Amino acid sequence: MLEAGYRSAVVLGAGSWGTALASLLAERGVEVQLWGRDAALMEEMRVMRRNARYLPGLELAASIEMVPAMGDLSVAEVAFWVTPSRYLHEMAAAFAKTPCGERVEVAVSCSKGIEIDSGRRMSELLKQALPRVQCAVLTGPNHAEEVASRMATAAVVGCDDLTVARRLQQTLTLPWFRSYTTDDVCGAEWGGALKNPYAIAAGIAKGLDLGDNAIAALVTRALAEMVRFGTAMGGRAETFYGLSGVGDLMTTCFSEHSRNHRVGVALGRGESLEAIQGRTTMVAEGVPNTASLFQVARQTGARTPILDEVYAVLYAGKAPAKAMRDLLGRDPRPEAD
């Protein structure tokens, strides 16, 4: 039974992470409603009690209510947003007009990305759509496949109001799922967004068979770049050395569960981006993230050589092998720079 957490929640987004999160909340004793854009999928999940499309190995608790229409969501205390970052803005605006959106207390972004044109973080988009609601983020190294299997996992809850963060922490704590809190929402979100292009870079290095030394160096320098860029955007340096920064970076760069890593591996092996994207229904956030982050970096003047090369591969037709050679061929500089 819950002691100090929230007792009712809606999860918006029925992909792998949304499904795993709904299951986690139900195990914690939260009343959970799960909404997804595909009404047929939601009906299938209601009947079969599993998400055969995105997370087939997880049996869903009978207590999870599948809701095919956003307007039919019952009023709940917390809304968890687990939609692809490119759709969050329009979906949040639609949700705000529903009875649930008009009365929800807390909106939690679980989407790791930056809006393509504005460079705004996901919690900023939620705040715009839901101005009276307290906004927070849930981030960290949280692969849905492992959460669904109840494997040991840690996460970070970020919120300006630490009372809300601690209550969410209680809601998201189980013997196998440990939550931490932070009030550096900005840093936590930038870490979650920035790691995606770096995972593509690490995957490219693996696809090119560059070896462990090269991949370790690439990921280490990616962390330095993440700190440099993230602090320029207002995050605190120590946040990027925590779960939402280096923790998420390591998981995404090395795990076979990582969609961004798999995209990079395929690119390194000579496949086209169009072919890679055409064979999956899941979104690799690093592809659109790279474009939005590249734009922001140009505006701020942040030095981002790894991000720049990933952008050149994805959007300018640069050969992955040439991108890796150009990274190695840059002028030498101090490690602390």
C-alpha atoms as a PDB file:
ATOM      1  CA  MET A   1       0.000   0.000   0.000  1.00  0.00           C
ATOM      2  CA  LEU A   2       1.061   3.593  -0.608  1.00  0.00           C
ATOM      3  CA  GLU A   3       2.214   5.615   2.378  1.00  0.00           C
ATOM      4  CA  ALA A   4       3.046   9.103   1.131  1.00  0.00           C
ATOM      5  CA  GLY A   5       2.874   9.007  -2.648  1.00  0.00           C
ATOM      6  CA  TYR A   6       0.210   9.925  -5.151  1.00  0.00           C
ATOM      7  CA  ARG A   7      -2.683   7.501  -5.389  1.00  0.00           C
ATOM      8  CA  SER A   8      -3.975   8.031  -8.922  1.00  0.00           C
ATOM      9  CA  ALA A   9      -2.190   8.582 -12.223  1.00  0.00           C
ATOM     10  CA  VAL A  10      -2.638   8.651 -15.964  1.00  0.00           C
ATOM     11  CA  VAL A  11       0.143   7.518 -18.281  1.00  0.00           C
ATOM     12  CA  LEU A  12      -0.040   9.176 -21.691  1.00  0.00           C
ATOM     13  CA  GLY A  13       1.762   7.068 -24.255  1.00  0.00           C
ATOM     14  CA  ALA A  14       1.423   3.303 -24.702  1.00  0.00           C
ATOM     15  CA  GLY A  15       4.840   2.533 -26.149  1.00  0.00           C
ATOM     16  CA  SER A  16       7.348   0.341 -24.341  1.00  0.00           C
ATOM     17  CA  TRP A  17       8.306   2.844 -21.638  1.00  0.00           C
ATOM     18  CA  GLY A  18       4.731   4.006 -21.043  1.00  0.00           C
ATOM     19  CA  THR A  19       3.580   0.405 -20.694  1.00  0.00           C
ATOM     20  CA  ALA A  20       6.414  -0.474 -18.310  1.00  0.00           C
ATOM     21  CA  LEU A  21       5.775   2.664 -16.244  1.00  0.00           C
ATOM     22  CA  ALA A  22       2.064   1.892 -15.963  1.00  0.00           C
ATOM     23  CA  SER A  23       2.951  -1.595 -14.721  1.00  0.00           C
ATOM     24  CA  LEU A  24       5.408  -0.182 -12.179  1.00  0.00           C
ATOM     25  CA  LEU A  25       2.813   2.263 -10.822  1.00  0.00           C
ATOM     26  CA  ALA A  26       0.176  -0.452 -10.584  1.00  0.00           C
ATOM     27  CA  GLU A  27       2.563  -2.649  -8.604  1.00  0.00           C
ATOM     28  CA  ARG A  28       3.093   0.286  -6.243  1.00  0.00           C
ATOM     29  CA  GLY A  29      -0.655   0.405  -5.633  1.00  0.00           C
ATOM     30  CA  VAL A  30      -1.468   3.462  -7.746  1.00  0.00           C
ATOM     31  CA  GLU A  31      -4.779   3.618  -9.625  1.00  0.00           C
ATOM     32  CA  VAL A  32      -3.514   3.735 -13.216  1.00  0.00           C
ATOM     33  CA  GLN A  33      -5.122   4.718 -16.502  1.00  0.00           C
ATOM     34  CA  LEU A  34      -3.088   4.131 -19.667  1.00  0.00           C
ATOM     35  CA  TRP A  35      -3.867   6.101 -22.827  1.00  0.00           C
ATOM     36  CA  GLY A  36      -2.404   5.654 -26.293  1.00  0.00           C
ATOM     37  CA  ARG A  37      -3.081   7.258 -29.677  1.00  0.00           C
ATOM     38  CA  ASP A  38      -3.927   3.932 -31.349  1.00  0.00           C
ATOM     39  CA  ALA A  39      -7.428   2.978 -30.193  1.00  0.00           C
ATOM     40  CA  ALA A  40      -7.153  -0.491 -31.750  1.00  0.00           C
ATOM     41  CA  LEU A  41      -3.964  -1.190 -29.803  1.00  0.00           C
ATOM     42  CA  MET A  42      -5.593  -0.016 -26.571  1.00  0.00           C
ATOM     43  CA  GLU A  43      -8.541  -2.375 -27.122  1.00  0.00           C
ATOM     44  CA  GLU A  44      -6.152  -5.238 -27.843  1.00  0.00           C
ATOM     45  CA  MET A  45      -4.250  -4.468 -24.655  1.00  0.00           C
ATOM     46  CA  ARG A  46      -7.481  -4.316 -22.676  1.00  0.00           C
ATOM     47  CA  VAL A  47      -8.483  -7.786 -23.838  1.00  0.00           C
ATOM     48  CA  MET A  48      -5.077  -9.523 -23.969  1.00  0.00           C
ATOM     49  CA  ARG A  49      -3.502  -7.706 -20.965  1.00  0.00           C
ATOM     50  CA  ARG A  50      -0.219  -7.234 -22.771  1.00  0.00           C
ATOM     51  CA  ASN A  51       1.304  -4.848 -25.318  1.00  0.00           C
ATOM     52  CA  ALA A  52       2.174  -7.256 -28.121  1.00  0.00           C
ATOM     53  CA  ARG A  53       3.495  -4.464 -30.345  1.00  0.00           C
ATOM     54  CA  TYR A  54       6.004  -2.806 -28.032  1.00  0.00           C
ATOM     55  CA  LEU A  55       6.524  -4.936 -24.908  1.00  0.00           C
ATOM     56  CA  PRO A  56       5.140  -8.432 -25.505  1.00  0.00           C
ATOM     57  CA  GLY A  57       6.786 -10.129 -22.531  1.00  0.00           C
ATOM     58  CA  LEU A  58       4.991  -8.083 -19.864  1.00  0.00           C
ATOM     59  CA  GLU A  59       1.632  -9.231 -18.504  1.00  0.00           C
ATOM     60  CA  LEU A  60      -0.371  -6.183 -17.438  1.00  0.00           C
ATOM     61  CA  ALA A  61      -2.209  -6.081 -14.138  1.00  0.00           C
ATOM     62  CA  ALA A  62      -5.978  -6.223 -14.287  1.00  0.00           C
ATOM     63  CA  SER A  63      -6.081  -2.984 -12.300  1.00  0.00           C
ATOM     64  CA  ILE A  64      -4.608  -0.945 -15.205  1.00  0.00           C
ATOM     65  CA  GLU A  65      -7.434   0.699 -17.117  1.00  0.00           C
ATOM     66  CA  MET A  66      -6.893   1.048 -20.871  1.00  0.00           C
ATOM     67  CA  VAL A  67      -8.421   4.298 -22.163  1.00  0.00           C
ATOM     68  CA  PRO A  68      -8.647   4.717 -25.958  1.00  0.00           C
ATOM     69  CA  ALA A  69      -9.913   8.331 -25.964  1.00  0.00           C
ATOM     70  CA  MET A  70      -8.069  11.105 -24.138  1.00  0.00           C
ATOM     71  CA  GLY A  71     -11.330  12.839 -23.271  1.00  0.00           C
ATOM     72  CA  ASP A  72     -12.488   9.711 -21.408  1.00  0.00           C
ATOM     73  CA  LEU A  73      -9.672   9.826 -18.850  1.00  0.00           C
ATOM     74  CA  SER A  74     -10.983  10.081 -15.309  1.00  0.00           C
ATOM     75  CA  VAL A  75      -9.573  12.788 -13.074  1.00  0.00           C
ATOM     76  CA  ALA A  76      -6.216  11.790 -11.552  1.00  0.00           C
ATOM     77  CA  GLU A  77      -3.572  13.467  -9.390  1.00  0.00           C
ATOM     78  CA  VAL A  78      -0.582  12.950 -11.711  1.00  0.00           C
ATOM     79  CA  ALA A  79      -0.131  12.749 -15.483  1.00  0.00           C
ATOM     80  CA  PHE A  80       3.016  11.020 -16.775  1.00  0.00           C
ATOM     81  CA  TRP A  81       3.936  12.031 -20.333  1.00  0.00           C
ATOM     82  CA  VAL A  82       5.642   9.202 -22.217  1.00  0.00           C
ATOM     83  CA  THR A  83       5.002  10.376 -25.774  1.00  0.00           C
ATOM     84  CA  PRO A  84       7.662  11.004 -28.445  1.00  0.00           C
ATOM     85  CA  SER A  85       9.072  14.487 -27.900  1.00  0.00           C
ATOM     86  CA  ARG A  86       7.891  15.762 -31.296  1.00  0.00           C
ATOM     87  CA  TYR A  87       4.234  15.145 -30.348  1.00  0.00           C
ATOM     88  CA  LEU A  88       4.235  16.341 -26.754  1.00  0.00           C
ATOM     89  CA  HIS A  89       3.317  19.968 -27.452  1.00  0.00           C
ATOM     90  CA  GLU A  90       0.130  19.261 -29.400  1.00  0.00           C
ATOM     91  CA  MET A  91      -0.919  16.425 -27.093  1.00  0.00           C
ATOM     92  CA  ALA A  92      -0.440  18.546 -23.978  1.00  0.00           C
ATOM     93  CA  ALA A  93      -2.628  21.259 -25.520  1.00  0.00           C
ATOM     94  CA  ALA A  94      -5.343  18.687 -26.231  1.00  0.00           C
ATOM     95  CA  PHE A  95      -5.056  17.173 -22.754  1.00  0.00           C
ATOM     96  CA  ALA A  96      -5.455  20.601 -21.137  1.00  0.00           C
ATOM     97  CA  LYS A  97      -8.988  20.787 -22.557  1.00  0.00           C
ATOM     98  CA  THR A  98     -10.133  17.485 -21.029  1.00  0.00           C
ATOM     99  CA  PRO A  99     -11.723  17.075 -17.570  1.00  0.00           C
ATOM    100  CA  CYS A 100      -8.583  15.276 -16.398  1.00  0.00           C
ATOM    101  CA  GLY A 101      -6.321  18.017 -17.753  1.00  0.00           C
ATOM    102  CA  GLU A 102      -8.380  20.707 -16.060  1.00  0.00           C
ATOM    103  CA  ARG A 103      -7.946  19.112 -12.617  1.00  0.00           C
ATOM    104  CA  VAL A 104      -4.653  17.204 -12.639  1.00  0.00           C
ATOM    105  CA  GLU A 105      -2.164  18.403  -9.979  1.00  0.00           C
ATOM    106  CA  VAL A 106       1.220  17.347 -11.401  1.00  0.00           C
ATOM    107  CA  ALA A 107       2.499  16.752 -14.944  1.00  0.00           C
ATOM    108  CA  VAL A 108       5.658  14.625 -15.251  1.00  0.00           C
ATOM    109  CA  SER A 109       7.678  14.567 -18.467  1.00  0.00           C
ATOM    110  CA  CYS A 110       9.231  11.176 -19.196  1.00  0.00           C
ATOM    111  CA  SER A 111      10.164  12.171 -22.764  1.00  0.00           C
ATOM    112  CA  LYS A 112      13.830  12.899 -23.426  1.00  0.00           C
ATOM    113  CA  GLY A 113      14.102  15.563 -26.071  1.00  0.00           C
ATOM    114  CA  ILE A 114      14.087  19.208 -27.085  1.00  0.00           C
ATOM    115  CA  GLU A 115      11.477  20.877 -29.296  1.00  0.00           C
ATOM    116  CA  ILE A 116      12.831  21.120 -32.820  1.00  0.00           C
ATOM    117  CA  ASP A 117      12.118  24.790 -33.607  1.00  0.00           C
ATOM    118  CA  SER A 118      12.158  26.515 -30.232  1.00  0.00           C
ATOM    119  CA  GLY A 119      14.774  24.501 -28.332  1.00  0.00           C
ATOM    120  CA  ARG A 120      12.425  24.336 -25.356  1.00  0.00           C
ATOM    121  CA  ARG A 121      12.598  21.481 -22.863  1.00  0.00           C
ATOM    122  CA  MET A 122       9.660  19.100 -22.444  1.00  0.00           C
ATOM    123  CA  SER A 123       8.708  20.422 -18.996  1.00  0.00           C
ATOM    124  CA  GLU A 124       8.582  23.938 -20.456  1.00  0.00           C
ATOM    125  CA  LEU A 125       6.093  22.737 -23.069  1.00  0.00           C
ATOM    126  CA  LEU A 126       3.973  21.110 -20.370  1.00  0.00           C
ATOM    127  CA  LYS A 127       4.053  24.294 -18.308  1.00  0.00           C
ATOM    128  CA  GLN A 128       2.878  26.329 -21.282  1.00  0.00           C
ATOM    129  CA  ALA A 129      -0.070  24.002 -21.885  1.00  0.00           C
ATOM    130  CA  LEU A 130      -0.854  23.490 -18.183  1.00  0.00           C
ATOM    131  CA  PRO A 131       0.150  26.760 -16.495  1.00  0.00           C
ATOM    132  CA  ARG A 132      -1.528  26.054 -13.161  1.00  0.00           C
ATOM    133  CA  VAL A 133       0.008  22.572 -12.806  1.00  0.00           C
ATOM    134  CA  GLN A 134       3.292  21.711 -11.068  1.00  0.00           C
ATOM    135  CA  CYS A 135       5.645  20.200 -13.667  1.00  0.00           C
ATOM    136  CA  ALA A 136       8.360  17.625 -13.058  1.00  0.00           C
ATOM    137  CA  VAL A 137      10.583  15.175 -14.946  1.00  0.00           C
ATOM    138  CA  LEU A 138      11.406  11.490 -14.605  1.00  0.00           C
ATOM    139  CA  THR A 139      14.700  10.522 -16.182  1.00  0.00           C
ATOM    140  CA  GLY A 140      17.804   8.364 -15.869  1.00  0.00           C
ATOM    141  CA  PRO A 141      19.023   4.991 -17.209  1.00  0.00           C
ATOM    142  CA  ASN A 142      15.583   3.362 -17.458  1.00  0.00           C
ATOM    143  CA  HIS A 143      15.300   0.909 -20.354  1.00  0.00           C
ATOM    144  CA  ALA A 144      11.704  -0.260 -20.526  1.00  0.00           C
ATOM    145  CA  GLU A 145      12.645  -3.888 -21.181  1.00  0.00           C
ATOM    146  CA  GLU A 146      14.540  -4.112 -17.895  1.00  0.00           C
ATOM    147  CA  VAL A 147      11.934  -2.193 -15.901  1.00  0.00           C
ATOM    148  CA  ALA A 148       9.280  -4.547 -17.271  1.00  0.00           C
ATOM    149  CA  SER A 149      11.385  -7.488 -16.051  1.00  0.00           C
ATOM    150  CA  ARG A 150      11.674  -5.896 -12.572  1.00  0.00           C
ATOM    151  CA  MET A 151      15.455  -5.662 -12.857  1.00  0.00           C
ATOM    152  CA  ALA A 152      17.285  -3.326 -10.480  1.00  0.00           C
ATOM    153  CA  THR A 153      16.894   0.258 -11.727  1.00  0.00           C
ATOM    154  CA  ALA A 154      17.500   3.786 -10.443  1.00  0.00           C
ATOM    155  CA  ALA A 155      15.896   7.001 -11.662  1.00  0.00           C
ATOM    156  CA  VAL A 156      15.816  10.726 -10.943  1.00  0.00           C
ATOM    157  CA  VAL A 157      12.716  12.816 -10.223  1.00  0.00           C
ATOM    158  CA  GLY A 158      13.313  16.497 -10.932  1.00  0.00           C
ATOM    159  CA  CYS A 159      11.040  19.268  -9.728  1.00  0.00           C
ATOM    160  CA  ASP A 160      11.462  22.892  -8.613  1.00  0.00           C
ATOM    161  CA  ASP A 161       9.257  22.056  -5.629  1.00  0.00           C
ATOM    162  CA  LEU A 162      11.110  19.393  -3.642  1.00  0.00           C
ATOM    163  CA  THR A 163       7.955  18.554  -1.686  1.00  0.00           C
ATOM    164  CA  VAL A 164       6.367  17.429  -4.964  1.00  0.00           C
ATOM    165  CA  ALA A 165       9.601  15.675  -5.972  1.00  0.00           C
ATOM    166  CA  ARG A 166       9.676  13.706  -2.725  1.00  0.00           C
ATOM    167  CA  ARG A 167       6.034  12.697  -3.104  1.00  0.00           C
ATOM    168  CA  LEU A 168       6.738  11.492  -6.635  1.00  0.00           C
ATOM    169  CA  GLN A 169       9.788   9.693  -5.284  1.00  0.00           C
ATOM    170  CA  GLN A 170       7.543   7.763  -2.897  1.00  0.00           C
ATOM    171  CA  THR A 171       5.182   6.960  -5.758  1.00  0.00           C
ATOM    172  CA  LEU A 172       8.068   5.630  -7.849  1.00  0.00           C
ATOM    173  CA  THR A 173       9.884   3.540  -5.252  1.00  0.00           C
ATOM    174  CA  LEU A 174       9.796  -0.257  -5.120  1.00  0.00           C
ATOM    175  CA  PRO A 175      12.313  -2.809  -3.816  1.00  0.00           C
ATOM    176  CA  TRP A 176      13.795  -3.044  -7.325  1.00  0.00           C
ATOM    177  CA  PHE A 177      13.212   0.554  -8.471  1.00  0.00           C
ATOM    178  CA  ARG A 178      15.044   3.279  -6.554  1.00  0.00           C
ATOM    179  CA  SER A 179      14.290   6.976  -7.105  1.00  0.00           C
ATOM    180  CA  TYR A 180      16.378  10.040  -6.268  1.00  0.00           C
ATOM    181  CA  THR A 181      15.335  13.694  -6.304  1.00  0.00           C
ATOM    182  CA  THR A 182      16.804  16.901  -7.701  1.00  0.00           C
ATOM    183  CA  ASP A 183      15.669  20.493  -8.083  1.00  0.00           C
ATOM    184  CA  ASP A 184      17.876  20.938 -11.174  1.00  0.00           C
ATOM    185  CA  VAL A 185      15.114  20.238 -13.680  1.00  0.00           C
ATOM    186  CA  CYS A 186      17.045  22.055 -16.414  1.00  0.00           C
ATOM    187  CA  GLY A 187      20.177  19.935 -16.023  1.00  0.00           C
ATOM    188  CA  ALA A 188      18.243  16.691 -15.741  1.00  0.00           C
ATOM    189  CA  GLU A 189      16.363  17.372 -18.980  1.00  0.00           C
ATOM    190  CA  TRP A 190      19.399  18.501 -20.945  1.00  0.00           C
ATOM    191  CA  GLY A 191      21.254  15.351 -19.890  1.00  0.00           C
ATOM    192  CA  GLY A 192      18.378  13.172 -21.064  1.00  0.00           C
ATOM    193  CA  ALA A 193      18.224  14.914 -24.431  1.00  0.00           C
ATOM    194  CA  LEU A 194      21.955  15.209 -25.112  1.00  0.00           C
ATOM    195  CA  LYS A 195      22.787  11.553 -24.521  1.00  0.00           C
ATOM    196  CA  ASN A 196      20.739  10.477 -27.552  1.00  0.00           C
ATOM    197  CA  PRO A 197      23.032  11.815 -30.340  1.00  0.00           C
ATOM    198  CA  TYR A 198      26.052  10.535 -28.417  1.00  0.00           C
ATOM    199  CA  ALA A 199      24.511   7.059 -28.362  1.00  0.00           C
ATOM    200  CA  ILE A 200      24.219   7.241 -32.143  1.00  0.00           C
ATOM    201  CA  ALA A 201      27.914   8.208 -32.307  1.00  0.00           C
ATOM    202  CA  ALA A 202      28.892   5.282 -30.069  1.00  0.00           C
ATOM    203  CA  GLY A 203      26.814   2.956 -32.218  1.00  0.00           C
ATOM    204  CA  ILE A 204      28.516   4.235 -35.374  1.00  0.00           C
ATOM    205  CA  ALA A 205      31.921   3.500 -33.815  1.00  0.00           C
ATOM    206  CA  LYS A 206      30.762  -0.023 -32.989  1.00  0.00           C
ATOM    207  CA  GLY A 207      29.322  -0.526 -36.474  1.00  0.00           C
ATOM    208  CA  LEU A 208      32.667   0.544 -37.950  1.00  0.00           C
ATOM    209  CA  ASP A 209      34.499  -1.939 -35.666  1.00  0.00           C
ATOM    210  CA  LEU A 210      36.704   0.813 -34.267  1.00  0.00           C
ATOM    211  CA  GLY A 211      37.310  -1.113 -31.041  1.00  0.00           C
ATOM    212  CA  ASP A 212      36.752  -0.637 -27.319  1.00  0.00           C
ATOM    213  CA  ASN A 213      39.460   2.007 -26.891  1.00  0.00           C
ATOM    214  CA  ALA A 214      37.831   4.277 -29.458  1.00  0.00           C
ATOM    215  CA  ILE A 215      34.328   3.832 -28.066  1.00  0.00           C
ATOM    216  CA  ALA A 216      35.491   4.483 -24.485  1.00  0.00           C
ATOM    217  CA  ALA A 217      37.263   7.656 -25.625  1.00  0.00           C
ATOM    218  CA  LEU A 218      34.235   8.781 -27.614  1.00  0.00           C
ATOM    219  CA  VAL A 219      31.829   8.343 -24.691  1.00  0.00           C
ATOM    220  CA  THR A 220      34.218  10.062 -22.269  1.00  0.00           C
ATOM    221  CA  ARG A 221      34.532  13.069 -24.554  1.00  0.00           C
ATOM    222  CA  ALA A 222      30.768  13.006 -25.074  1.00  0.00           C
ATOM    223  CA  LEU A 223      30.366  13.488 -21.320  1.00  0.00           C
ATOM    224  CA  ALA A 224      32.719  16.480 -21.435  1.00  0.00           C
ATOM    225  CA  GLU A 225      30.671  17.904 -24.305  1.00  0.00           C
ATOM    226  CA  MET A 226      27.431  17.234 -22.417  1.00  0.00           C
ATOM    227  CA  VAL A 227      28.686  19.146 -19.378  1.00  0.00           C
ATOM    228  CA  ARG A 228      29.946  22.030 -21.518  1.00  0.00           C
ATOM    229  CA  PHE A 229      26.684  22.337 -23.452  1.00  0.00           C
ATOM    230  CA  GLY A 230      24.363  21.577 -20.538  1.00  0.00           C
ATOM    231  CA  THR A 231      25.880  24.116 -18.175  1.00  0.00           C
ATOM    232  CA  ALA A 232      25.749  26.738 -20.928  1.00  0.00           C
ATOM    233  CA  MET A 233      21.993  26.093 -21.033  1.00  0.00           C
ATOM    234  CA  GLY A 234      21.608  26.576 -17.271  1.00  0.00           C
ATOM    235  CA  GLY A 235      22.107  23.109 -15.788  1.00  0.00           C
ATOM    236  CA  ARG A 236      24.438  22.454 -12.849  1.00  0.00           C
ATOM    237  CA  ALA A 237      27.654  20.575 -13.626  1.00  0.00           C
ATOM    238  CA  GLU A 238      27.125  18.006 -10.858  1.00  0.00           C
ATOM    239  CA  THR A 239      23.803  16.967 -12.377  1.00  0.00           C
ATOM    240  CA  PHE A 240      25.557  15.684 -15.498  1.00  0.00           C
ATOM    241  CA  TYR A 241      27.763  13.440 -13.353  1.00  0.00           C
ATOM    242  CA  GLY A 242      24.674  11.758 -11.913  1.00  0.00           C
ATOM    243  CA  LEU A 243      22.021   9.347 -13.147  1.00  0.00           C
ATOM    244  CA  SER A 244      20.385  11.795 -15.556  1.00  0.00           C
ATOM    245  CA  GLY A 245      23.756  12.549 -17.162  1.00  0.00           C
ATOM    246  CA  VAL A 246      26.551   9.993 -17.184  1.00  0.00           C
ATOM    247  CA  GLY A 247      24.216   7.222 -15.966  1.00  0.00           C
ATOM    248  CA  ASP A 248      21.830   7.607 -18.871  1.00  0.00           C
ATOM    249  CA  LEU A 249      24.745   8.248 -21.251  1.00  0.00           C
ATOM    250  CA  MET A 250      26.429   4.932 -20.416  1.00  0.00           C
ATOM    251  CA  THR A 251      23.248   2.912 -20.697  1.00  0.00           C
ATOM    252  CA  THR A 252      22.249   4.449 -24.014  1.00  0.00           C
ATOM    253  CA  CYS A 253      25.708   4.262 -25.553  1.00  0.00           C
ATOM    254  CA  PHE A 254      26.376   0.619 -24.705  1.00  0.00           C
ATOM    255  CA  SER A 255      23.054  -1.206 -24.394  1.00  0.00           C
ATOM    256  CA  GLU A 256      21.528  -3.301 -27.158  1.00  0.00           C
ATOM    257  CA  HIS A 257      18.143  -2.127 -25.840  1.00  0.00           C
ATOM    258  CA  SER A 258      19.005   1.430 -26.960  1.00  0.00           C
ATOM    259  CA  ARG A 259      17.258   2.420 -30.197  1.00  0.00           C
ATOM    260  CA  ASN A 260      19.766   5.228 -30.723  1.00  0.00           C
ATOM    261  CA  HIS A 261      22.687   2.826 -30.317  1.00  0.00           C
ATOM    262  CA  ARG A 262      21.109   0.429 -32.814  1.00  0.00           C
ATOM    263  CA  VAL A 263      20.593   3.251 -35.315  1.00  0.00           C
ATOM    264  CA  GLY A 264      24.277   4.159 -34.999  1.00  0.00           C
ATOM    265  CA  VAL A 265      25.446   0.574 -35.433  1.00  0.00           C
ATOM    266  CA  ALA A 266      23.378   0.217 -38.599  1.00  0.00           C
ATOM    267  CA  LEU A 267      24.719   3.511 -39.962  1.00  0.00           C
ATOM    268  CA  GLY A 268      28.270   2.393 -39.248  1.00  0.00           C
ATOM    269  CA  ARG A 269      27.624  -0.800 -41.163  1.00  0.00           C
ATOM    270  CA  GLY A 270      26.573   1.151 -44.237  1.00  0.00           C
ATOM    271  CA  GLU A 271      22.774   1.232 -44.025  1.00  0.00           C
ATOM    272  CA  SER A 272      20.874   4.382 -44.899  1.00  0.00           C
ATOM    273  CA  LEU A 273      18.879   6.281 -42.295  1.00  0.00           C
ATOM    274  CA  GLU A 274      15.729   5.865 -44.407  1.00  0.00           C
ATOM    275  CA  ALA A 275      16.104   2.080 -44.464  1.00  0.00           C
ATOM    276  CA  ILE A 276      16.772   1.957 -40.710  1.00  0.00           C
ATOM    277  CA  GLN A 277      13.744   4.062 -39.835  1.00  0.00           C
ATOM    278  CA  GLY A 278      11.543   2.205 -42.301  1.00  0.00           C
ATOM    279  CA  ARG A 279      11.831  -1.130 -40.527  1.00  0.00           C
ATOM    280  CA  THR A 280      10.764  -0.055 -37.049  1.00  0.00           C
ATOM    281  CA  THR A 281       7.661   1.457 -35.475  1.00  0.00           C
ATOM    282  CA  MET A 282       9.638   2.753 -32.493  1.00  0.00           C
ATOM    283  CA  VAL A 283      11.096   6.264 -32.379  1.00  0.00           C
ATOM    284  CA  ALA A 284      14.842   6.728 -31.928  1.00  0.00           C
ATOM    285  CA  GLU A 285      14.714  10.134 -30.244  1.00  0.00           C
ATOM    286  CA  GLY A 286      18.322  10.857 -31.142  1.00  0.00           C
ATOM    287  CA  VAL A 287      17.447  11.433 -34.800  1.00  0.00           C
ATOM    288  CA  PRO A 288      15.117  14.448 -34.303  1.00  0.00           C
ATOM    289  CA  ASN A 289      17.037  15.451 -31.136  1.00  0.00           C
ATOM    290  CA  THR A 290      20.235  15.862 -33.144  1.00  0.00           C
ATOM    291  CA  ALA A 291      18.596  18.445 -35.403  1.00  0.00           C
ATOM    292  CA  SER A 292      17.120  20.467 -32.529  1.00  0.00           C
ATOM    293  CA  LEU A 293      20.286  20.289 -30.410  1.00  0.00           C
ATOM    294  CA  PHE A 294      22.450  21.301 -33.371  1.00  0.00           C
ATOM    295  CA  GLN A 295      20.291  24.409 -33.851  1.00  0.00           C
ATOM    296  CA  VAL A 296      20.539  25.340 -30.164  1.00  0.00           C
ATOM    297  CA  ALA A 297      24.308  24.832 -30.163  1.00  0.00           C
ATOM    298  CA  ARG A 298      24.665  27.250 -33.086  1.00  0.00           C
ATOM    299  CA  GLN A 299      22.644  29.870 -31.185  1.00  0.00           C
ATOM    300  CA  THR A 300      24.588  29.529 -27.941  1.00  0.00           C
ATOM    301  CA  GLY A 301      28.060  29.123 -29.416  1.00  0.00           C
ATOM    302  CA  ALA A 302      28.679  25.915 -27.452  1.00  0.00           C
ATOM    303  CA  ARG A 303      31.546  23.812 -28.855  1.00  0.00           C
ATOM    304  CA  THR A 304      30.005  20.439 -29.819  1.00  0.00           C
ATOM    305  CA  PRO A 305      32.279  18.505 -32.207  1.00  0.00           C
ATOM    306  CA  ILE A 306      30.660  15.089 -31.607  1.00  0.00           C
ATOM    307  CA  LEU A 307      27.129  16.431 -31.999  1.00  0.00           C
ATOM    308  CA  ASP A 308      28.234  18.266 -35.152  1.00  0.00           C
ATOM    309  CA  GLU A 309      29.553  15.079 -36.758  1.00  0.00           C
ATOM    310  CA  VAL A 310      26.404  13.109 -35.891  1.00  0.00           C
ATOM    311  CA  TYR A 311      24.351  15.900 -37.463  1.00  0.00           C
ATOM    312  CA  ALA A 312      26.515  15.759 -40.591  1.00  0.00           C
ATOM    313  CA  VAL A 313      25.937  12.006 -40.895  1.00  0.00           C
ATOM    314  CA  LEU A 314      22.183  12.190 -40.324  1.00  0.00           C
ATOM    315  CA  TYR A 315      21.340  15.363 -42.233  1.00  0.00           C
ATOM    316  CA  ALA A 316      24.191  16.249 -44.589  1.00  0.00           C
ATOM    317  CA  GLY A 317      24.997  12.864 -46.105  1.00  0.00           C
ATOM    318  CA  LYS A 318      28.453  12.593 -44.560  1.00  0.00           C
ATOM    319  CA  ALA A 319      29.970   9.108 -44.513  1.00  0.00           C
ATOM    320  CA  PRO A 320      30.174   7.723 -40.949  1.00  0.00           C
ATOM    321  CA  ALA A 321      33.806   6.668 -41.404  1.00  0.00           C
ATOM    322  CA  LYS A 322      34.731  10.186 -42.543  1.00  0.00           C
ATOM    323  CA  ALA A 323      32.944  11.666 -39.517  1.00  0.00           C
ATOM    324  CA  MET A 324      34.949   9.465 -37.140  1.00  0.00           C
ATOM    325  CA  ARG A 325      38.224  10.327 -38.908  1.00  0.00           C
ATOM    326  CA  ASP A 326      37.462  14.037 -38.664  1.00  0.00           C
ATOM    327  CA  LEU A 327      36.831  13.741 -34.916  1.00  0.00           C
ATOM    328  CA  LEU A 328      40.235  12.098 -34.446  1.00  0.00           C
ATOM    329  CA  GLY A 329      41.952  14.614 -36.714  1.00  0.00           C
ATOM    330  CA  ARG A 330      40.992  17.755 -34.808  1.00  0.00           C
ATOM    331  CA  ASP A 331      43.677  19.941 -33.252  1.00  0.00           C
ATOM    332  CA  PRO A 332      45.016  18.588 -29.923  1.00  0.00           C
ATOM    333  CA  ARG A 333      43.747  20.326 -26.753  1.00  0.00           C
ATOM    334  CA  PRO A 334      43.907  19.884 -22.949  1.00  0.00           C
ATOM    335  CA  GLU A 335      41.605  17.181 -21.567  1.00  0.00           C
ATOM    336  CA  ALA A 336      39.964  19.635 -19.177  1.00  0.00           C
ATOM    337  CA  ASP A 337      39.007  21.929 -22.075  1.00  0.00           C
END
